[in-house]
Amino acid sequence: MGHAAIIVAERKALLARTESLVREFHPALPAGTVIRAVTRCRAELLRAGVRRGPAGITEARVRAHLDRTAADIGGVRVGGDSPVSRPTAPG
């Protein structure tokens, strides 16, 4: 596989994982929040020199970050392995 084909494949993989994360964290977090988290994480990985296989690394790091963010705001995450539950009212 040529260099250009690898880049295209990695971008498609990152896009697919971004879409999956947007669906997973909806409605707890807006799509823009998820997309910004993915973009920032990807930029950090590029600055650190990660060039191959960034989609999986990005997904894991972003999911951990978004889990914390959703928990901080008391959001409910529908999908995924570690759902964040909304605090219940006393009574």
C-alpha atoms as a PDB file:
ATOM      1  CA  MET A   1       0.000   0.000   0.000  1.00  0.00           C
ATOM      2  CA  GLY A   2       1.423   3.366  -1.011  1.00  0.00           C
ATOM      3  CA  HIS A   3       1.931   6.323   1.323  1.00  0.00           C
ATOM      4  CA  ALA A   4      -1.073   8.232  -0.033  1.00  0.00           C
ATOM      5  CA  ALA A   5      -3.310   5.185   0.351  1.00  0.00           C
ATOM      6  CA  ILE A   6      -2.181   4.771   3.974  1.00  0.00           C
ATOM      7  CA  ILE A   7      -2.988   8.408   4.739  1.00  0.00           C
ATOM      8  CA  VAL A   8      -6.434   8.095   3.149  1.00  0.00           C
ATOM      9  CA  ALA A   9      -7.149   4.866   5.054  1.00  0.00           C
ATOM     10  CA  GLU A  10      -6.084   6.425   8.372  1.00  0.00           C
ATOM     11  CA  ARG A  11      -8.231   9.509   7.782  1.00  0.00           C
ATOM     12  CA  LYS A  12     -11.239   7.337   6.938  1.00  0.00           C
ATOM     13  CA  ALA A  13     -10.673   5.291  10.096  1.00  0.00           C
ATOM     14  CA  LEU A  14     -10.435   8.453  12.207  1.00  0.00           C
ATOM     15  CA  LEU A  15     -13.605   9.845  10.624  1.00  0.00           C
ATOM     16  CA  ALA A  16     -15.487   6.603  11.300  1.00  0.00           C
ATOM     17  CA  ARG A  17     -14.363   6.583  14.931  1.00  0.00           C
ATOM     18  CA  THR A  18     -15.281  10.255  15.332  1.00  0.00           C
ATOM     19  CA  GLU A  19     -18.778   9.548  14.010  1.00  0.00           C
ATOM     20  CA  SER A  20     -19.058   6.607  16.388  1.00  0.00           C
ATOM     21  CA  LEU A  21     -18.018   8.749  19.369  1.00  0.00           C
ATOM     22  CA  VAL A  22     -20.510  11.471  18.404  1.00  0.00           C
ATOM     23  CA  ARG A  23     -23.313   8.874  18.397  1.00  0.00           C
ATOM     24  CA  GLU A  24     -22.062   7.262  21.598  1.00  0.00           C
ATOM     25  CA  PHE A  25     -22.007  10.487  23.614  1.00  0.00           C
ATOM     26  CA  HIS A  26     -25.251  11.917  22.212  1.00  0.00           C
ATOM     27  CA  PRO A  27     -27.224  13.499  23.914  1.00  0.00           C
ATOM     28  CA  ALA A  28     -24.873  13.924  26.904  1.00  0.00           C
ATOM     29  CA  LEU A  29     -22.369  15.985  24.899  1.00  0.00           C
ATOM     30  CA  PRO A  30     -22.828  18.067  21.751  1.00  0.00           C
ATOM     31  CA  ALA A  31     -21.222  16.800  18.551  1.00  0.00           C
ATOM     32  CA  GLY A  32     -18.953  19.855  18.465  1.00  0.00           C
ATOM     33  CA  THR A  33     -17.484  18.966  21.846  1.00  0.00           C
ATOM     34  CA  VAL A  34     -16.688  15.447  20.664  1.00  0.00           C
ATOM     35  CA  ILE A  35     -15.212  16.637  17.358  1.00  0.00           C
ATOM     36  CA  ARG A  36     -13.035  19.244  19.119  1.00  0.00           C
ATOM     37  CA  ALA A  37     -11.746  16.584  21.515  1.00  0.00           C
ATOM     38  CA  VAL A  38     -10.828  14.309  18.596  1.00  0.00           C
ATOM     39  CA  THR A  39      -9.140  17.170  16.723  1.00  0.00           C
ATOM     40  CA  ARG A  40      -7.090  18.225  19.757  1.00  0.00           C
ATOM     41  CA  CYS A  41      -6.050  14.675  20.558  1.00  0.00           C
ATOM     42  CA  ARG A  42      -5.016  14.018  16.960  1.00  0.00           C
ATOM     43  CA  ALA A  43      -2.946  17.230  16.928  1.00  0.00           C
ATOM     44  CA  GLU A  44      -1.219  16.183  20.180  1.00  0.00           C
ATOM     45  CA  LEU A  45      -0.382  12.788  18.711  1.00  0.00           C
ATOM     46  CA  LEU A  46       1.030  14.369  15.546  1.00  0.00           C
ATOM     47  CA  ARG A  47       3.189  16.738  17.627  1.00  0.00           C
ATOM     48  CA  ALA A  48       4.427  13.701  19.578  1.00  0.00           C
ATOM     49  CA  GLY A  49       5.425  12.017  16.322  1.00  0.00           C
ATOM     50  CA  VAL A  50       2.671   9.380  16.080  1.00  0.00           C
ATOM     51  CA  ARG A  51       2.086   8.794  12.381  1.00  0.00           C
ATOM     52  CA  ARG A  52       0.651   5.284  12.056  1.00  0.00           C
ATOM     53  CA  GLY A  53      -2.421   3.833  13.701  1.00  0.00           C
ATOM     54  CA  PRO A  54      -3.604   7.052  15.335  1.00  0.00           C
ATOM     55  CA  ALA A  55      -7.329   6.307  15.029  1.00  0.00           C
ATOM     56  CA  GLY A  56      -7.361   3.647  17.744  1.00  0.00           C
ATOM     57  CA  ILE A  57      -5.137   5.646  20.084  1.00  0.00           C
ATOM     58  CA  THR A  58      -7.215   8.774  19.495  1.00  0.00           C
ATOM     59  CA  GLU A  59     -10.467   6.928  20.145  1.00  0.00           C
ATOM     60  CA  ALA A  60      -9.259   5.493  23.462  1.00  0.00           C
ATOM     61  CA  ARG A  61      -7.877   8.807  24.728  1.00  0.00           C
ATOM     62  CA  VAL A  62     -10.914  10.810  23.618  1.00  0.00           C
ATOM     63  CA  ARG A  63     -13.364   8.298  25.100  1.00  0.00           C
ATOM     64  CA  ALA A  64     -11.625   8.545  28.497  1.00  0.00           C
ATOM     65  CA  HIS A  65     -11.662  12.351  28.307  1.00  0.00           C
ATOM     66  CA  LEU A  66     -15.320  12.502  27.256  1.00  0.00           C
ATOM     67  CA  ASP A  67     -16.343  10.028  29.975  1.00  0.00           C
ATOM     68  CA  ARG A  68     -14.859  12.428  32.540  1.00  0.00           C
ATOM     69  CA  THR A  69     -16.477  15.431  30.860  1.00  0.00           C
ATOM     70  CA  ALA A  70     -19.904  13.787  30.757  1.00  0.00           C
ATOM     71  CA  ALA A  71     -19.569  12.753  34.407  1.00  0.00           C
ATOM     72  CA  ASP A  72     -18.591  16.305  35.399  1.00  0.00           C
ATOM     73  CA  ILE A  73     -21.732  17.744  33.827  1.00  0.00           C
ATOM     74  CA  GLY A  74     -23.968  14.912  35.001  1.00  0.00           C
ATOM     75  CA  GLY A  75     -24.712  13.724  31.487  1.00  0.00           C
ATOM     76  CA  VAL A  76     -26.054  10.360  30.483  1.00  0.00           C
ATOM     77  CA  ARG A  77     -24.154   8.336  27.914  1.00  0.00           C
ATOM     78  CA  VAL A  78     -26.297   5.841  26.075  1.00  0.00           C
ATOM     79  CA  GLY A  79     -23.697   3.706  24.304  1.00  0.00           C
ATOM     80  CA  GLY A  80     -20.314   2.332  25.275  1.00  0.00           C
ATOM     81  CA  ASP A  81     -18.964   0.104  27.989  1.00  0.00           C
ATOM     82  CA  SER A  82     -18.984   2.522  30.914  1.00  0.00           C
ATOM     83  CA  PRO A  83     -22.207   4.499  30.949  1.00  0.00           C
ATOM     84  CA  VAL A  84     -22.323   7.662  32.979  1.00  0.00           C
ATOM     85  CA  SER A  85     -25.499   7.903  35.001  1.00  0.00           C
ATOM     86  CA  ARG A  86     -27.333  11.099  35.832  1.00  0.00           C
ATOM     87  CA  PRO A  87     -27.553  11.835  39.563  1.00  0.00           C
ATOM     88  CA  THR A  88     -30.991  11.094  40.966  1.00  0.00           C
ATOM     89  CA  ALA A  89     -33.029  13.567  42.978  1.00  0.00           C
ATOM     90  CA  PRO A  90     -33.321  12.851  46.696  1.00  0.00           C
ATOM     91  CA  GLY A  91     -36.578  11.468  47.902  1.00  0.00           C
END
